[in-house]
Amino acid sequence: MQTDKDVLDDVFNKFLSGSQIFKDRDVLRPDYIPSSLPHREEQIQQIGGILSPALKGSRGSNIFIYGQTGTGKTAVVKYILDRLLTKGKKIGSKLDVCYINCRLAGTDYRILANLCGSIGLDIPFTGLATNEVLDRFKIDLDLRKTIIITVLDEIDALVKNQGDALLYDLIRVNENIKNSKISIIGISNDLRFKELLDPRVLSSLSEEEVIFKPYTAPELTDILVGRAKISFINEALSEGALNLAAALAAAEHGDARRALDLLRVSGELAEREGSSKIIEKHIKDAQNKIEHDRISSFLRALPLHSKIIICTVYLIEKNNSISPITGDVYETYQDLCKQLNIEALTQRRVSGLINELDINGILNSKVVSLGRYGRTKKIRLGVPISVIREIYSDDPWAIQLINYSIKKIKD
């Protein structure tokens, strides 16, 4: 009988002796910034023009950048800022750059701490008032006599979770310092993001907007061809596989990130099979794997109340064999919260969470007319129940909810 060590040795030896697919697989990862960004020349020129005054010590306009996932927003901004810093060093300009992913940072405090760190100011992980951190940042920033360009990626996550108070404070920093300036670049997937902002914030922004349209299939093919040349060994990727990856990603709103993921994962699957060439089958297998992993990661990362809403819809569908309406969902949601000794959210907030789950494909909602009683939404699960149970099988809260749901169904 083989031991675990023997099994792993077999896996490792098979990999080492197998056919070569990749030259550099990291080229296909989302954090890789290429030396050129095809089909984004217009946006590069526009953003570069807005930021150029920083080379002469002046602050350019704030910039809001919009576009769906995988349209190159973050890559373009990082590419431009890298070139801007290089140019600034060459001519002796004083420039600083701070990139923050607001979804990962999570709180106003952590965003300010990252800003402080970018200018060499150490802030404790916790323990200070947010206003104190902001004051320290302004004092040290002014002493540096610099232009700092601050990128707030996924800025909509900050405003939705924390409100727009920090954004307002950052916009007004320039009014309180004399020797330095701050410019803000906000990046969002939500084209309606500004609807979330207070009128005071909107009036202070003085922003320019840049829109990133989805890539077309031919544009995605160009991008994949360029990456494939430096990622795979010669002729490891078949033309059919490349075209299929581009077509699938184009159908998903022109998502270049998804197209690159398809290539990388398909290459890894071919590698594990011992194949020397990536064909259409590997692309299709990669698509299934990525979709399952995406849903799994998303469902695991959901806040507790969103998980409760999912279990609510599951319970009603199982019990009544029909798609529930909004009122039914909220009533059952309150019941589940009571079972967990958790305070229920307001019906308005629950409706907002349902909309978010609908946008992400976890729930499907449809507005229906009730005649003289007005309109409501019918809601159903957008993913199979078996997938939800598989993913939540090790989640204590979800297990309790699902077990309670099963008991209710039997009763």
Protein backbone atom coordinates (compact mmCIF):
# COMPACT_ATOMS: atom_id res chain seq x y z
CA MET A 1 0.00 0.00 0.00
CA GLN A 2 1.37 3.41 -0.98
CA THR A 3 2.00 5.94 1.75
CA ASP A 4 1.06 9.62 1.41
CA LYS A 5 4.74 10.34 0.82
CA ASP A 6 4.88 7.81 -2.05
CA VAL A 7 1.75 9.26 -3.64
CA LEU A 8 3.17 12.76 -3.50
CA ASP A 9 6.50 11.57 -4.89
CA ASP A 10 4.62 10.10 -7.84
CA VAL A 11 2.78 13.41 -8.39
CA PHE A 12 5.99 15.44 -8.19
CA ASN A 13 7.96 13.08 -10.43
CA LYS A 14 5.16 13.03 -13.00
CA PHE A 15 5.23 16.83 -13.10
CA LEU A 16 9.01 17.03 -13.36
CA SER A 17 9.24 14.45 -16.13
CA GLY A 18 6.10 15.53 -17.97
CA SER A 19 5.79 17.67 -21.07
CA GLN A 20 6.62 21.36 -20.81
CA ILE A 21 3.73 23.82 -21.31
CA PHE A 22 4.73 27.06 -19.61
CA LYS A 23 7.67 29.38 -19.96
CA ASP A 24 6.26 31.81 -17.38
CA ARG A 25 2.77 31.16 -16.01
CA ASP A 26 2.82 34.36 -13.91
CA VAL A 27 2.36 36.34 -17.14
CA LEU A 28 -1.26 35.11 -17.11
CA ARG A 29 -2.01 36.23 -13.55
CA PRO A 30 -4.13 39.35 -12.89
CA ASP A 31 -1.38 41.21 -10.99
CA TYR A 32 1.06 41.05 -13.93
CA ILE A 33 1.54 44.43 -15.65
CA PRO A 34 2.73 43.98 -19.25
CA SER A 35 5.09 46.34 -21.06
CA SER A 36 2.27 47.35 -23.41
CA LEU A 37 -1.52 47.44 -23.08
CA PRO A 38 -3.15 46.96 -26.49
CA HIS A 39 -6.49 48.63 -27.21
CA ARG A 40 -6.20 50.98 -24.23
CA GLU A 41 -4.14 53.71 -25.93
CA GLU A 42 -6.99 56.24 -25.71
CA GLN A 43 -7.45 55.78 -21.96
CA ILE A 44 -3.68 55.81 -21.35
CA GLN A 45 -3.35 59.11 -23.18
CA GLN A 46 -6.36 60.62 -21.40
CA ILE A 47 -5.29 59.63 -17.87
CA GLY A 48 -1.64 60.46 -18.56
CA GLY A 49 -2.65 63.94 -19.69
CA ILE A 50 -4.67 64.56 -16.53
CA LEU A 51 -1.76 63.46 -14.29
CA SER A 52 1.03 65.24 -16.21
CA PRO A 53 0.87 68.49 -14.16
CA ALA A 54 2.29 66.52 -11.20
CA LEU A 55 5.66 66.49 -13.00
CA LYS A 56 5.80 70.27 -12.54
CA GLY A 57 4.59 70.21 -8.93
CA SER A 58 0.94 70.97 -9.71
CA ARG A 59 -2.11 68.92 -8.82
CA GLY A 60 -4.21 67.61 -11.68
CA SER A 61 -7.92 66.88 -11.51
CA ASN A 62 -9.25 63.99 -9.50
CA ILE A 63 -10.16 61.06 -11.77
CA PHE A 64 -13.01 58.57 -11.57
CA ILE A 65 -12.53 55.50 -13.74
CA TYR A 66 -15.46 53.23 -14.59
CA GLY A 67 -15.73 49.90 -16.37
CA GLN A 68 -16.73 46.30 -15.87
CA THR A 69 -14.39 43.72 -14.37
CA GLY A 70 -11.51 42.74 -16.63
CA THR A 71 -11.50 45.85 -18.83
CA GLY A 72 -7.97 46.86 -17.83
CA LYS A 73 -8.72 49.70 -15.39
CA THR A 74 -6.27 48.75 -12.66
CA ALA A 75 -3.57 47.57 -15.07
CA VAL A 76 -3.71 50.85 -17.02
CA VAL A 77 -3.53 52.99 -13.86
CA LYS A 78 -0.58 51.03 -12.45
CA TYR A 79 1.17 51.17 -15.83
CA ILE A 80 0.76 54.95 -16.07
CA LEU A 81 1.82 55.60 -12.48
CA ASP A 82 4.94 53.46 -12.90
CA ARG A 83 5.91 55.49 -15.98
CA LEU A 84 5.04 58.75 -14.20
CA LEU A 85 7.27 57.91 -11.23
CA THR A 86 10.12 56.93 -13.55
CA LYS A 87 9.80 60.22 -15.43
CA GLY A 88 9.55 62.16 -12.19
CA LYS A 89 12.79 60.67 -10.84
CA LYS A 90 14.55 61.47 -14.11
CA ILE A 91 13.64 65.16 -14.00
CA GLY A 92 13.77 65.57 -10.20
CA SER A 93 10.04 65.92 -9.50
CA LYS A 94 8.81 65.05 -6.00
CA LEU A 95 6.07 62.46 -6.46
CA ASP A 96 4.53 59.77 -4.27
CA VAL A 97 1.97 57.11 -5.19
CA CYS A 98 -0.29 55.08 -2.95
CA TYR A 99 -2.45 52.24 -4.31
CA ILE A 100 -5.21 50.88 -2.03
CA ASN A 101 -7.82 48.22 -2.78
CA CYS A 102 -10.74 49.47 -0.68
CA ARG A 103 -12.45 46.09 -0.58
CA LEU A 104 -9.33 44.47 0.90
CA ALA A 105 -8.52 47.35 3.25
CA GLY A 106 -12.08 47.20 4.54
CA THR A 107 -12.23 50.22 6.88
CA ASP A 108 -11.52 53.95 6.87
CA TYR A 109 -8.80 53.37 9.47
CA ARG A 110 -6.91 50.82 7.37
CA ILE A 111 -7.13 53.01 4.28
CA LEU A 112 -5.66 55.94 6.20
CA ALA A 113 -2.98 53.67 7.68
CA ASN A 114 -1.99 52.61 4.15
CA LEU A 115 -1.82 56.24 3.10
CA CYS A 116 0.41 57.04 6.06
CA GLY A 117 2.64 54.06 5.25
CA SER A 118 3.11 55.30 1.69
CA ILE A 119 4.85 58.44 3.01
CA GLY A 120 6.85 56.58 5.67
CA LEU A 121 4.61 57.34 8.64
CA ASP A 122 4.05 54.33 10.91
CA ILE A 123 0.54 53.95 12.31
CA PRO A 124 -0.46 51.19 14.78
CA PHE A 125 -2.74 48.49 13.41
CA THR A 126 -5.48 49.76 15.71
CA GLY A 127 -5.97 51.98 18.72
CA LEU A 128 -6.13 55.54 17.36
CA ALA A 129 -9.16 57.60 16.44
CA THR A 130 -9.65 57.96 12.69
CA ASN A 131 -9.47 61.76 12.96
CA GLU A 132 -6.13 61.45 14.77
CA VAL A 133 -4.71 59.30 11.96
CA LEU A 134 -5.99 61.79 9.36
CA ASP A 135 -4.37 64.72 11.23
CA ARG A 136 -1.02 62.90 11.43
CA PHE A 137 -1.21 62.13 7.72
CA LYS A 138 -1.84 65.78 6.82
CA ILE A 139 1.04 67.03 8.98
CA ASP A 140 3.59 64.54 7.61
CA LEU A 141 2.37 64.95 4.04
CA ASP A 142 2.86 68.71 4.21
CA LEU A 143 6.39 68.26 5.55
CA ARG A 144 7.32 66.09 2.53
CA LYS A 145 6.55 68.87 0.01
CA THR A 146 5.27 66.38 -2.52
CA ILE A 147 2.41 65.52 -4.84
CA ILE A 148 0.81 62.24 -3.75
CA ILE A 149 -1.47 60.40 -6.17
CA THR A 150 -3.81 58.11 -4.26
CA VAL A 151 -5.56 55.27 -6.07
CA LEU A 152 -8.72 53.99 -4.38
CA ASP A 153 -9.54 50.81 -6.27
CA GLU A 154 -13.06 49.40 -5.81
CA ILE A 155 -13.98 52.73 -4.22
CA ASP A 156 -17.66 51.75 -4.34
CA ALA A 157 -16.95 49.08 -1.69
CA LEU A 158 -15.65 51.80 0.64
CA VAL A 159 -18.69 54.03 0.20
CA LYS A 160 -21.23 51.19 0.41
CA ASN A 161 -19.69 49.75 3.60
CA GLN A 162 -18.28 52.81 5.36
CA GLY A 163 -20.06 55.80 3.83
CA ASP A 164 -18.42 58.71 2.00
CA ALA A 165 -17.01 60.62 5.01
CA LEU A 166 -13.41 59.55 4.37
CA LEU A 167 -13.63 60.41 0.68
CA TYR A 168 -14.90 63.87 1.63
CA ASP A 169 -12.04 64.30 4.12
CA LEU A 170 -9.42 63.29 1.55
CA ILE A 171 -10.84 65.67 -1.05
CA ARG A 172 -10.61 68.53 1.47
CA VAL A 173 -7.03 67.75 2.58
CA ASN A 174 -5.65 70.23 0.06
CA GLU A 175 -7.45 73.06 1.85
CA ASN A 176 -5.53 72.38 5.06
CA ILE A 177 -1.95 72.00 3.79
CA LYS A 178 0.38 74.41 1.99
CA ASN A 179 3.46 72.55 0.75
CA SER A 180 1.99 69.31 -0.61
CA LYS A 181 -1.01 68.23 -2.66
CA ILE A 182 -3.08 65.08 -2.99
CA SER A 183 -4.86 63.81 -6.11
CA ILE A 184 -7.37 60.99 -6.02
CA ILE A 185 -8.02 58.30 -8.62
CA GLY A 186 -11.17 56.31 -7.89
CA ILE A 187 -11.76 53.02 -9.74
CA SER A 188 -15.18 51.37 -9.75
CA ASN A 189 -17.10 48.64 -11.56
CA ASP A 190 -20.35 50.45 -10.71
CA LEU A 191 -21.31 53.04 -13.32
CA ARG A 192 -23.89 54.46 -10.90
CA PHE A 193 -21.36 54.88 -8.11
CA LYS A 194 -21.73 58.66 -7.85
CA GLU A 195 -25.41 58.22 -7.00
CA LEU A 196 -24.20 56.96 -3.60
CA LEU A 197 -22.35 60.19 -2.80
CA ASP A 198 -23.55 63.09 -0.69
CA PRO A 199 -24.06 66.34 -2.66
CA ARG A 200 -21.25 67.98 -0.62
CA VAL A 201 -18.82 65.31 -1.83
CA LEU A 202 -19.97 65.68 -5.43
CA SER A 203 -19.53 69.44 -5.37
CA SER A 204 -15.96 69.12 -4.01
CA LEU A 205 -14.72 66.41 -6.36
CA SER A 206 -13.73 68.47 -9.43
CA GLU A 207 -13.24 65.12 -11.16
CA GLU A 208 -12.79 63.96 -14.71
CA GLU A 209 -14.32 60.65 -15.77
CA VAL A 210 -12.74 57.93 -17.89
CA ILE A 211 -14.80 55.01 -19.18
CA PHE A 212 -13.33 51.60 -20.07
CA LYS A 213 -15.51 49.72 -22.53
CA PRO A 214 -15.48 45.90 -22.61
CA TYR A 215 -13.03 44.28 -25.00
CA THR A 216 -14.39 42.76 -28.20
CA ALA A 217 -13.48 39.19 -29.21
CA PRO A 218 -10.83 40.35 -31.75
CA GLU A 219 -9.29 42.67 -29.10
CA LEU A 220 -9.20 39.84 -26.57
CA THR A 221 -7.54 37.62 -29.19
CA ASP A 222 -4.81 40.26 -29.66
CA ILE A 223 -4.24 40.41 -25.91
CA LEU A 224 -4.10 36.62 -25.57
CA VAL A 225 -1.72 36.23 -28.50
CA GLY A 226 0.69 38.68 -26.90
CA ARG A 227 0.57 37.02 -23.49
CA ALA A 228 0.71 33.49 -24.92
CA LYS A 229 3.99 34.25 -26.70
CA ILE A 230 5.76 34.97 -23.42
CA SER A 231 3.81 32.55 -21.22
CA PHE A 232 3.81 29.28 -23.22
CA ILE A 233 6.52 27.42 -25.08
CA ASN A 234 6.21 27.51 -28.87
CA GLU A 235 3.08 25.84 -30.27
CA ALA A 236 1.85 24.69 -26.84
CA LEU A 237 -1.40 26.61 -27.39
CA SER A 238 -3.56 25.58 -30.33
CA GLU A 239 -5.22 28.30 -32.40
CA GLY A 240 -8.63 26.79 -31.71
CA ALA A 241 -8.08 26.93 -27.95
CA LEU A 242 -6.96 30.56 -28.12
CA ASN A 243 -9.98 31.60 -30.19
CA LEU A 244 -12.36 29.73 -27.88
CA ALA A 245 -10.91 31.42 -24.79
CA ALA A 246 -11.34 34.83 -26.45
CA ALA A 247 -14.91 34.05 -27.54
CA LEU A 248 -15.96 32.81 -24.09
CA ALA A 249 -14.48 35.87 -22.38
CA ALA A 250 -16.09 38.22 -24.93
CA ALA A 251 -19.45 36.62 -24.17
CA GLU A 252 -18.77 37.42 -20.48
CA HIS A 253 -18.77 41.20 -21.08
CA GLY A 254 -15.30 41.37 -22.66
CA ASP A 255 -13.44 40.30 -19.53
CA ALA A 256 -9.70 40.09 -20.28
CA ARG A 257 -8.98 38.81 -16.77
CA ARG A 258 -11.29 35.85 -17.36
CA ALA A 259 -9.67 35.15 -20.74
CA LEU A 260 -6.21 35.07 -19.15
CA ASP A 261 -7.48 32.85 -16.33
CA LEU A 262 -8.90 30.45 -18.92
CA LEU A 263 -5.51 30.19 -20.60
CA ARG A 264 -3.61 29.69 -17.35
CA VAL A 265 -5.97 27.10 -15.88
CA SER A 266 -6.29 25.22 -19.19
CA GLY A 267 -2.49 25.08 -19.38
CA GLU A 268 -2.31 23.70 -15.86
CA LEU A 269 -4.96 21.06 -16.66
CA ALA A 270 -3.09 20.03 -19.82
CA GLU A 271 0.13 19.89 -17.81
CA ARG A 272 -1.41 17.54 -15.22
CA GLU A 273 -2.66 15.27 -18.01
CA GLY A 274 0.84 15.09 -19.47
CA SER A 275 -0.38 16.74 -22.67
CA SER A 276 2.06 18.84 -24.70
CA LYS A 277 -0.67 20.98 -26.30
CA ILE A 278 -3.65 22.98 -25.02
CA ILE A 279 -6.76 22.21 -27.06
CA GLU A 280 -10.41 23.30 -26.93
CA LYS A 281 -11.27 20.56 -24.42
CA HIS A 282 -8.84 22.05 -21.90
CA ILE A 283 -10.44 25.49 -22.31
CA LYS A 284 -13.93 24.04 -21.65
CA ASP A 285 -12.69 22.11 -18.62
CA ALA A 286 -11.00 25.26 -17.34
CA GLN A 287 -14.22 27.22 -17.76
CA ASN A 288 -16.14 24.73 -15.59
CA LYS A 289 -13.43 24.75 -12.94
CA ILE A 290 -13.15 28.55 -12.80
CA GLU A 291 -16.92 28.98 -12.57
CA HIS A 292 -17.17 26.50 -9.69
CA ASP A 293 -14.21 28.12 -7.88
CA ARG A 294 -15.67 31.60 -8.40
CA ILE A 295 -19.05 30.65 -6.94
CA SER A 296 -17.38 28.80 -4.08
CA SER A 297 -15.14 31.73 -3.14
CA PHE A 298 -18.01 34.20 -3.41
CA LEU A 299 -20.44 32.18 -1.28
CA ARG A 300 -17.83 31.51 1.41
CA ALA A 301 -16.94 35.21 1.66
CA LEU A 302 -20.51 36.49 1.98
CA PRO A 303 -21.56 38.33 5.17
CA LEU A 304 -23.75 36.34 7.53
CA HIS A 305 -27.00 38.15 6.65
CA SER A 306 -26.49 37.43 2.95
CA LYS A 307 -26.06 33.73 3.81
CA ILE A 308 -29.28 33.87 5.82
CA ILE A 309 -31.11 35.36 2.83
CA ILE A 310 -29.84 32.53 0.60
CA CYS A 311 -31.06 29.94 3.10
CA THR A 312 -34.36 31.81 3.33
CA VAL A 313 -35.00 31.48 -0.40
CA TYR A 314 -33.92 27.82 -0.25
CA LEU A 315 -36.39 27.10 2.57
CA ILE A 316 -39.35 28.74 0.84
CA GLU A 317 -38.64 27.12 -2.54
CA LYS A 318 -38.37 23.69 -0.95
CA ASN A 319 -41.46 24.14 1.16
CA ASN A 320 -43.75 25.69 -1.45
CA SER A 321 -42.17 24.70 -4.79
CA ILE A 322 -42.64 28.29 -5.99
CA SER A 323 -40.49 31.39 -6.27
CA PRO A 324 -41.13 33.53 -3.17
CA ILE A 325 -41.97 37.22 -3.31
CA THR A 326 -40.12 39.91 -1.35
CA GLY A 327 -42.55 39.95 1.59
CA ASP A 328 -42.33 36.17 2.06
CA VAL A 329 -38.54 36.33 1.99
CA TYR A 330 -38.37 39.02 4.65
CA GLU A 331 -40.83 37.24 6.95
CA THR A 332 -38.88 33.96 6.80
CA TYR A 333 -35.56 35.84 7.07
CA GLN A 334 -36.75 37.33 10.38
CA ASP A 335 -37.65 33.83 11.58
CA LEU A 336 -34.15 32.51 10.79
CA CYS A 337 -32.50 35.48 12.51
CA LYS A 338 -34.59 34.74 15.58
CA GLN A 339 -33.38 31.11 15.55
CA LEU A 340 -29.78 32.36 15.56
CA ASN A 341 -30.41 35.07 18.17
CA ILE A 342 -29.31 37.71 15.66
CA GLU A 343 -30.96 41.07 15.19
CA ALA A 344 -32.65 41.22 11.79
CA LEU A 345 -31.86 43.98 9.32
CA THR A 346 -34.56 46.32 8.06
CA GLN A 347 -36.63 45.25 5.06
CA ARG A 348 -35.02 48.01 2.98
CA ARG A 349 -31.52 46.72 3.78
CA VAL A 350 -32.55 43.13 3.01
CA SER A 351 -33.91 44.29 -0.36
CA GLY A 352 -30.52 45.88 -1.03
CA LEU A 353 -28.71 42.62 -0.22
CA ILE A 354 -31.10 40.70 -2.50
CA ASN A 355 -30.25 43.14 -5.31
CA GLU A 356 -26.52 42.58 -4.75
CA LEU A 357 -26.97 38.79 -4.81
CA ASP A 358 -29.04 39.17 -7.97
CA ILE A 359 -26.29 41.21 -9.67
CA ASN A 360 -23.78 38.49 -8.82
CA GLY A 361 -26.02 35.69 -10.13
CA ILE A 362 -26.55 33.94 -6.77
CA LEU A 363 -30.24 34.90 -6.76
CA ASN A 364 -32.49 35.71 -9.70
CA SER A 365 -35.23 38.28 -9.16
CA LYS A 366 -38.00 39.40 -11.48
CA VAL A 367 -40.44 42.29 -10.99
CA VAL A 368 -44.07 41.18 -11.31
CA SER A 369 -47.32 43.12 -11.20
CA LEU A 370 -49.96 42.39 -8.56
CA GLY A 371 -52.54 44.56 -10.28
CA ARG A 372 -54.10 47.10 -7.95
CA TYR A 373 -51.83 45.83 -5.13
CA GLY A 374 -48.77 47.23 -6.86
CA ARG A 375 -45.57 45.45 -7.88
CA THR A 376 -43.21 43.08 -6.13
CA LYS A 377 -40.29 40.79 -6.92
CA LYS A 378 -40.26 37.05 -7.38
CA ILE A 379 -36.98 35.60 -6.18
CA ARG A 380 -35.33 32.24 -6.82
CA LEU A 381 -31.91 30.66 -6.38
CA GLY A 382 -29.49 31.24 -9.25
CA VAL A 383 -27.20 28.31 -8.34
CA PRO A 384 -28.08 24.67 -7.62
CA ILE A 385 -29.00 23.81 -4.04
CA SER A 386 -26.42 21.00 -4.11
CA VAL A 387 -23.67 23.55 -4.77
CA ILE A 388 -24.78 25.71 -1.85
CA ARG A 389 -24.81 22.73 0.50
CA GLU A 390 -21.41 21.52 -0.70
CA ILE A 391 -19.79 24.92 -0.21
CA TYR A 392 -21.38 25.57 3.18
CA SER A 393 -20.75 22.05 4.48
CA ASP A 394 -18.04 23.33 6.87
CA ASP A 395 -19.67 26.66 7.78
CA PRO A 396 -21.19 26.39 11.31
CA TRP A 397 -23.69 29.22 10.79
CA ALA A 398 -24.85 27.92 7.45
CA ILE A 399 -25.07 24.32 8.73
CA GLN A 400 -27.34 25.48 11.53
CA LEU A 401 -29.49 27.43 9.09
CA ILE A 402 -29.75 24.60 6.56
CA ASN A 403 -30.51 22.02 9.26
CA TYR A 404 -33.24 24.29 10.61
CA SER A 405 -34.56 24.72 7.06
CA ILE A 406 -34.68 20.93 6.59
CA LYS A 407 -36.54 20.53 9.89
CA LYS A 408 -39.08 23.19 8.83
CA ILE A 409 -39.61 21.43 5.50
CA LYS A 410 -40.25 18.08 7.23
CA ASP A 411 -42.61 19.70 9.71
